[in-house]
Amino acid sequence: MIWRKLLAPLAAMYWVGSGLRNIFYSIGMFPSKKFDKAVIVVGNLNTGGTGKSPHTLYLLNFLRQEFKVGMLSRGYGRKTKGFQIANYESNARTIGDEPMQVFNRFKNRVVVAVGEDRISALKEIFRLFRLDVVVLDDAYQHRRLKTDFNLLLTTFDDPYHKDWPLPMGNLREPIAGASRASAVIVTKCQPDLSMEDKIKFRKDLRLKNHQHIFFSSIIYNDEVISLHQNLSVADLKDYNVILVTGIANDKDFLSFAKNHCASVQPMHYPDHYNFSPEDIKQIDEAYANLPEPRLILTTEKDYMRLRSEHRIVQKLYYLPIQIEIDNPIQFQKLVKDYVQKY
């Protein structure tokens, strides 16, 4: 957008500031903490929408089959403070929507914790549980923590090497920060992405020889899920849908809904949005104006916040997603080899 070019001076200042911060951490001028346990950081250079949640779930799912695993998040959007362990009394307000999504998937098979101070929270989770590895969600810029395994995500359609620092673009730090990545996953790819495209993408990212690159695509569940029943995605062709999203990038989800539903009325909200009673009323009224058959559809992450809304929960469905990585055996071996070093 043209107006963003007017922000170039501010972007230059941000670039210098964040770049100097990285340099000071790299040379040891700013202190950082390294743990004697395996810690995996998942993150991105830009402000969101790369698919951290499904990739974190993917990591946790295969790691938990061989290791004792924990997941630590800030718990963005929660109404509480301090360190907390997720349990069956937790909800999105107490631990945040993403940690709640993880706990909802794995229950006690993965230790899920939240804490604003990542260093203190890591000390506490390792003190309380005999864990082999902890996965940190959205901690790529948390330079106070020093780890040997950083997993960097970037989308195929909007890669970081074509972006600019805030506020002119969406980068949280200069693209030189990608050098800290152990591996890069290019997300939201078409399943039939050619080898030529993959080779070109690696070249465009200018990765170092030791850095690995993988490509992932989204796999949609074949059913949408509600409190009272599941509904086949194939049957959505007959349904008129209110599509409620509060995620950073809902383009793919909206496209999926339009391709599978009779009609779609999108209602988009900011990422991690805290729905007010007035918002719920508007969603319910929009639903009431649709012809039958009808339903409200949302993402699994948004469902963690909306399922406590009694006015709409009986009409509310969510669509789980998974990711598929192009070289899963190689990727999983890379991660497991790192964990086994400890």
Protein backbone atom coordinates (compact mmCIF):
# COMPACT_ATOMS: atom_id res chain seq x y z
CA MET A 1 0.00 0.00 0.00
CA ILE A 2 1.19 3.51 -0.87
CA TRP A 3 0.51 4.88 2.61
CA ARG A 4 2.91 2.34 4.10
CA LYS A 5 5.77 3.84 2.07
CA LEU A 6 5.25 7.05 4.02
CA LEU A 7 6.24 5.10 7.12
CA ALA A 8 9.68 4.24 5.73
CA PRO A 9 11.54 6.58 8.14
CA LEU A 10 9.88 4.93 11.14
CA ALA A 11 10.61 1.50 9.67
CA ALA A 12 14.28 2.46 9.30
CA MET A 13 14.41 3.49 12.96
CA TYR A 14 12.72 0.24 13.99
CA TRP A 15 15.15 -1.74 11.80
CA VAL A 16 18.16 -0.07 13.43
CA GLY A 17 16.78 -0.52 16.95
CA SER A 18 15.85 -4.18 16.60
CA GLY A 19 19.06 -4.90 14.68
CA LEU A 20 21.21 -3.38 17.43
CA ARG A 21 19.26 -5.37 20.02
CA ASN A 22 20.09 -8.59 18.20
CA ILE A 23 23.75 -7.64 17.90
CA PHE A 24 24.00 -6.86 21.62
CA TYR A 25 22.50 -10.25 22.49
CA SER A 26 24.74 -12.04 20.01
CA ILE A 27 27.95 -10.53 21.41
CA GLY A 28 26.87 -11.03 25.02
CA MET A 29 26.34 -7.38 25.92
CA PHE A 30 22.78 -8.30 26.90
CA PRO A 31 22.61 -11.43 29.10
CA SER A 32 20.79 -14.57 27.99
CA LYS A 33 19.98 -17.84 29.75
CA LYS A 34 20.66 -21.32 28.38
CA PHE A 35 19.08 -24.39 29.99
CA ASP A 36 20.65 -27.82 30.31
CA LYS A 37 17.42 -29.30 28.94
CA ALA A 38 16.09 -29.42 25.39
CA VAL A 39 14.11 -26.29 24.50
CA ILE A 40 12.55 -25.80 21.07
CA VAL A 41 11.43 -22.34 19.97
CA VAL A 42 8.70 -21.93 17.35
CA GLY A 43 8.18 -18.49 15.84
CA ASN A 44 8.30 -16.17 12.87
CA LEU A 45 9.85 -12.90 11.79
CA ASN A 46 6.55 -11.25 10.96
CA THR A 47 3.59 -10.36 13.15
CA GLY A 48 1.55 -13.52 12.67
CA GLY A 49 -0.53 -15.64 10.37
CA THR A 50 2.17 -18.20 9.52
CA GLY A 51 0.43 -21.16 11.16
CA LYS A 52 2.29 -21.46 14.47
CA SER A 53 -0.60 -23.21 16.22
CA PRO A 54 -0.96 -26.24 13.90
CA HIS A 55 2.82 -26.60 13.61
CA THR A 56 3.20 -26.53 17.38
CA LEU A 57 0.50 -29.20 17.63
CA TYR A 58 2.34 -31.26 15.01
CA LEU A 59 5.59 -31.03 16.98
CA LEU A 60 3.97 -31.94 20.26
CA ASN A 61 2.08 -34.86 18.76
CA PHE A 62 5.11 -36.74 17.46
CA LEU A 63 7.41 -35.76 20.34
CA ARG A 64 5.00 -36.97 23.02
CA GLN A 65 5.13 -40.49 21.58
CA GLU A 66 8.79 -40.87 22.63
CA PHE A 67 9.48 -38.13 25.16
CA LYS A 68 7.99 -36.38 28.17
CA VAL A 69 6.95 -33.09 26.63
CA GLY A 70 5.85 -29.66 27.81
CA MET A 71 4.59 -26.59 26.00
CA LEU A 72 5.10 -23.06 27.31
CA SER A 73 3.31 -19.94 26.08
CA ARG A 74 2.81 -16.39 27.24
CA GLY A 75 -0.90 -17.10 27.18
CA TYR A 76 -1.68 -14.10 25.02
CA GLY A 77 -5.16 -12.68 25.64
CA ARG A 78 -5.69 -14.32 29.02
CA LYS A 79 -7.13 -12.37 31.94
CA THR A 80 -4.73 -13.79 34.52
CA LYS A 81 -1.12 -13.12 35.43
CA GLY A 82 1.85 -15.23 36.37
CA PHE A 83 2.80 -18.87 35.90
CA GLN A 84 -0.01 -21.40 35.52
CA ILE A 85 -0.34 -25.06 34.57
CA ALA A 86 -3.32 -25.95 32.40
CA ASN A 87 -5.88 -28.31 33.93
CA TYR A 88 -9.47 -29.39 33.41
CA GLU A 89 -10.72 -26.18 35.06
CA SER A 90 -8.76 -23.97 32.65
CA ASN A 91 -10.31 -21.94 29.86
CA ALA A 92 -9.21 -19.37 27.30
CA ARG A 93 -9.67 -16.55 29.81
CA THR A 94 -7.33 -18.14 32.34
CA ILE A 95 -4.57 -19.48 30.07
CA GLY A 96 -5.22 -18.05 26.56
CA ASP A 97 -6.78 -19.59 23.46
CA GLU A 98 -3.68 -21.28 21.99
CA PRO A 99 -2.60 -23.06 25.21
CA MET A 100 -6.24 -24.07 25.71
CA GLN A 101 -6.29 -25.51 22.20
CA VAL A 102 -3.18 -27.57 23.00
CA PHE A 103 -4.64 -28.83 26.28
CA ASN A 104 -7.95 -29.62 24.58
CA ARG A 105 -6.08 -31.79 22.04
CA PHE A 106 -3.70 -33.63 24.37
CA LYS A 107 -5.15 -33.29 27.87
CA ASN A 108 -2.53 -34.50 30.38
CA ARG A 109 -0.40 -36.22 27.74
CA VAL A 110 1.44 -32.89 27.33
CA VAL A 111 2.22 -30.48 30.17
CA VAL A 112 0.83 -27.09 29.11
CA ALA A 113 1.98 -23.99 31.00
CA VAL A 114 1.75 -20.23 30.61
CA GLY A 115 3.92 -17.44 31.96
CA GLU A 116 4.88 -13.95 30.85
CA ASP A 117 8.47 -14.33 32.03
CA ARG A 118 9.71 -17.19 29.85
CA ILE A 119 12.91 -17.73 31.83
CA SER A 120 11.16 -17.97 35.20
CA ALA A 121 8.40 -20.09 33.69
CA LEU A 122 10.91 -22.53 32.16
CA LYS A 123 12.69 -22.87 35.49
CA GLU A 124 9.36 -23.63 37.15
CA ILE A 125 8.10 -26.15 34.60
CA PHE A 126 11.40 -28.06 34.69
CA ARG A 127 11.30 -27.96 38.52
CA LEU A 128 7.76 -29.33 38.70
CA PHE A 129 7.96 -31.98 35.97
CA ARG A 130 10.59 -34.43 34.72
CA LEU A 131 10.41 -33.31 31.10
CA ASP A 132 12.70 -34.19 28.22
CA VAL A 133 11.79 -31.15 26.12
CA VAL A 134 9.70 -27.99 26.25
CA VAL A 135 8.31 -26.33 23.12
CA LEU A 136 7.98 -22.55 23.32
CA ASP A 137 5.29 -20.96 21.22
CA ASP A 138 6.01 -17.60 19.54
CA ALA A 139 9.35 -16.99 21.26
CA TYR A 140 11.67 -16.39 18.31
CA GLN A 141 12.34 -12.78 19.38
CA HIS A 142 12.78 -13.71 23.05
CA ARG A 143 16.56 -13.27 23.04
CA ARG A 144 16.86 -13.55 26.82
CA LEU A 145 16.50 -17.27 26.17
CA LYS A 146 19.37 -18.98 24.37
CA THR A 147 18.48 -22.25 22.70
CA ASP A 148 20.11 -24.49 20.11
CA PHE A 149 16.92 -25.22 18.18
CA ASN A 150 14.87 -22.42 16.62
CA LEU A 151 12.10 -23.31 14.19
CA LEU A 152 11.21 -20.38 11.92
CA LEU A 153 7.94 -20.28 9.98
CA THR A 154 7.15 -18.20 6.91
CA THR A 155 4.29 -18.48 4.44
CA PHE A 156 4.75 -19.37 0.79
CA ASP A 157 2.63 -16.44 -0.43
CA ASP A 158 4.08 -13.83 1.94
CA PRO A 159 7.67 -14.83 2.78
CA TYR A 160 9.78 -12.71 5.08
CA HIS A 161 12.38 -11.89 2.41
CA LYS A 162 9.73 -9.88 0.53
CA ASP A 163 8.56 -7.96 3.61
CA TRP A 164 9.70 -4.84 5.47
CA PRO A 165 10.12 -3.97 9.16
CA LEU A 166 7.25 -2.47 11.11
CA PRO A 167 5.40 -0.18 10.61
CA MET A 168 6.08 -0.08 6.86
CA GLY A 169 5.77 -3.86 6.68
CA ASN A 170 5.03 -6.69 9.08
CA LEU A 171 8.51 -7.80 10.20
CA ARG A 172 9.28 -7.79 13.91
CA GLU A 173 13.01 -7.69 13.18
CA PRO A 174 15.33 -7.48 10.14
CA ILE A 175 15.50 -10.54 7.90
CA ALA A 176 19.04 -11.13 9.17
CA GLY A 177 17.31 -12.63 12.20
CA ALA A 178 16.57 -15.68 10.08
CA SER A 179 20.20 -16.69 10.57
CA ARG A 180 19.29 -17.92 14.08
CA ALA A 181 16.96 -20.58 12.65
CA SER A 182 17.94 -24.23 12.83
CA ALA A 183 15.24 -24.95 10.26
CA VAL A 184 12.75 -22.95 8.23
CA ILE A 185 9.28 -24.27 7.41
CA VAL A 186 7.58 -22.64 4.45
CA THR A 187 3.91 -22.91 5.37
CA LYS A 188 0.58 -22.89 3.53
CA CYS A 189 2.06 -24.40 0.37
CA GLN A 190 0.08 -26.18 -2.30
CA PRO A 191 0.45 -29.96 -1.80
CA ASP A 192 1.77 -30.37 -5.34
CA LEU A 193 4.56 -27.79 -4.99
CA SER A 194 7.28 -28.70 -7.48
CA MET A 195 10.90 -29.45 -6.65
CA GLU A 196 11.93 -26.52 -8.87
CA ASP A 197 9.82 -24.16 -6.74
CA LYS A 198 11.35 -25.56 -3.56
CA ILE A 199 14.90 -25.12 -4.82
CA LYS A 200 14.14 -21.56 -5.93
CA PHE A 201 12.55 -20.74 -2.57
CA ARG A 202 15.60 -21.93 -0.65
CA LYS A 203 17.80 -19.82 -2.90
CA ASP A 204 15.58 -16.77 -2.40
CA LEU A 205 15.75 -17.15 1.39
CA ARG A 206 19.57 -17.27 1.24
CA LEU A 207 19.80 -19.93 3.91
CA LYS A 208 23.15 -21.05 5.24
CA ASN A 209 24.43 -24.54 4.52
CA HIS A 210 23.60 -25.84 8.00
CA GLN A 211 20.02 -24.55 7.89
CA HIS A 212 17.31 -27.00 6.89
CA ILE A 213 14.19 -26.11 4.92
CA PHE A 214 10.85 -27.90 4.83
CA PHE A 215 7.54 -27.17 3.14
CA SER A 216 4.14 -27.74 4.72
CA SER A 217 0.54 -27.64 3.58
CA ILE A 218 -2.78 -27.46 5.43
CA ILE A 219 -4.93 -30.57 5.74
CA TYR A 220 -8.55 -29.87 6.68
CA ASN A 221 -10.52 -32.29 8.81
CA ASP A 222 -13.31 -34.16 7.03
CA GLU A 223 -15.80 -33.17 9.75
CA VAL A 224 -16.76 -29.98 11.55
CA ILE A 225 -17.25 -30.48 15.27
CA SER A 226 -19.72 -29.11 17.80
CA LEU A 227 -20.75 -29.88 21.37
CA HIS A 228 -23.62 -32.09 20.31
CA GLN A 229 -22.64 -33.63 16.96
CA ASN A 230 -20.16 -33.77 14.11
CA LEU A 231 -21.10 -32.87 10.57
CA SER A 232 -19.38 -34.07 7.41
CA VAL A 233 -17.59 -31.36 5.43
CA ALA A 234 -19.27 -32.82 2.34
CA ASP A 235 -22.66 -31.94 3.85
CA LEU A 236 -21.71 -28.27 4.27
CA LYS A 237 -22.72 -27.73 0.64
CA ASP A 238 -26.32 -27.47 1.87
CA TYR A 239 -25.60 -25.07 4.74
CA ASN A 240 -25.67 -21.30 5.00
CA VAL A 241 -22.84 -20.27 7.27
CA ILE A 242 -21.78 -17.41 9.50
CA LEU A 243 -17.98 -17.62 9.46
CA VAL A 244 -16.51 -16.15 12.65
CA THR A 245 -12.73 -15.65 12.74
CA GLY A 246 -10.39 -13.97 15.19
CA ILE A 247 -7.05 -15.04 13.74
CA ALA A 248 -4.20 -13.13 12.11
CA ASN A 249 -4.90 -14.42 8.59
CA ASP A 250 -8.23 -16.01 7.70
CA LYS A 251 -7.78 -15.99 3.91
CA ASP A 252 -7.37 -19.76 3.55
CA PHE A 253 -10.19 -20.55 5.97
CA LEU A 254 -12.52 -18.18 4.14
CA SER A 255 -11.60 -19.73 0.81
CA PHE A 256 -12.26 -23.21 2.21
CA ALA A 257 -15.69 -22.17 3.50
CA LYS A 258 -16.70 -20.54 0.23
CA ASN A 259 -15.71 -23.69 -1.65
CA HIS A 260 -17.69 -26.02 0.61
CA CYS A 261 -20.74 -24.12 1.90
CA ALA A 262 -23.96 -23.00 0.21
CA SER A 263 -23.32 -19.41 1.32
CA VAL A 264 -20.84 -17.71 3.64
CA GLN A 265 -21.23 -14.51 5.64
CA PRO A 266 -17.81 -13.68 7.15
CA MET A 267 -17.49 -11.87 10.47
CA HIS A 268 -13.80 -11.08 11.00
CA TYR A 269 -12.26 -9.93 14.28
CA PRO A 270 -8.65 -9.22 15.33
CA ASP A 271 -6.32 -12.02 16.41
CA HIS A 272 -7.03 -13.34 19.95
CA TYR A 273 -10.10 -11.08 20.06
CA ASN A 274 -12.01 -10.88 23.33
CA PHE A 275 -15.64 -11.18 22.23
CA SER A 276 -18.02 -8.83 24.03
CA PRO A 277 -21.71 -9.53 24.78
CA GLU A 278 -22.57 -7.13 21.96
CA ASP A 279 -20.37 -9.10 19.55
CA ILE A 280 -22.12 -12.33 20.51
CA LYS A 281 -25.49 -10.66 20.05
CA GLN A 282 -24.51 -9.50 16.54
CA ILE A 283 -23.27 -12.98 15.61
CA ASP A 284 -26.50 -14.54 16.86
CA GLU A 285 -28.65 -12.01 15.01
CA ALA A 286 -26.72 -12.60 11.78
CA TYR A 287 -27.28 -16.33 12.25
CA ALA A 288 -31.02 -15.80 12.81
CA ASN A 289 -31.28 -13.96 9.49
CA LEU A 290 -29.89 -16.89 7.51
CA PRO A 291 -32.22 -19.37 5.83
CA GLU A 292 -32.21 -22.98 7.03
CA PRO A 293 -30.13 -25.11 7.18
CA ARG A 294 -27.60 -22.89 8.88
CA LEU A 295 -24.73 -22.91 11.36
CA ILE A 296 -21.91 -20.82 12.79
CA LEU A 297 -18.44 -22.00 11.80
CA THR A 298 -15.15 -20.96 13.38
CA THR A 299 -11.55 -22.10 13.77
CA GLU A 300 -10.45 -24.48 16.51
CA LYS A 301 -8.50 -21.68 18.20
CA ASP A 302 -11.46 -19.29 18.14
CA TYR A 303 -13.71 -22.05 19.45
CA MET A 304 -11.65 -22.07 22.65
CA ARG A 305 -12.92 -18.53 23.33
CA LEU A 306 -16.44 -18.91 21.95
CA ARG A 307 -17.50 -22.20 23.53
CA SER A 308 -18.35 -20.48 26.82
CA GLU A 309 -20.89 -18.24 25.06
CA HIS A 310 -24.17 -20.02 25.84
CA ARG A 311 -26.14 -17.87 23.42
CA ILE A 312 -24.42 -19.37 20.36
CA VAL A 313 -22.59 -22.51 21.49
CA GLN A 314 -25.37 -24.89 20.40
CA LYS A 315 -25.11 -23.50 16.86
CA LEU A 316 -21.32 -23.33 16.82
CA TYR A 317 -19.01 -25.70 14.91
CA TYR A 318 -15.25 -25.64 14.43
CA LEU A 319 -13.02 -27.09 11.75
CA PRO A 320 -9.81 -28.77 12.99
CA ILE A 321 -6.77 -28.57 10.74
CA GLN A 322 -3.47 -30.40 10.60
CA ILE A 323 -0.29 -29.81 8.67
CA GLU A 324 1.61 -32.11 6.39
CA ILE A 325 5.38 -31.69 5.95
CA ASP A 326 7.07 -32.69 2.71
CA ASN A 327 9.86 -34.73 4.37
CA PRO A 328 8.32 -35.82 7.68
CA ILE A 329 10.86 -38.55 8.47
CA GLN A 330 13.80 -36.19 7.95
CA PHE A 331 12.11 -33.41 9.92
CA GLN A 332 11.16 -35.62 12.85
CA LYS A 333 14.65 -37.14 12.97
CA LEU A 334 16.19 -33.66 13.04
CA VAL A 335 14.05 -32.68 16.02
CA LYS A 336 14.43 -35.98 17.89
CA ASP A 337 18.21 -35.98 17.43
CA TYR A 338 18.32 -32.57 19.08
CA VAL A 339 16.21 -33.72 22.04
CA GLN A 340 18.27 -36.88 22.50
CA LYS A 341 21.46 -34.82 22.89
CA TYR A 342 20.17 -33.94 26.34
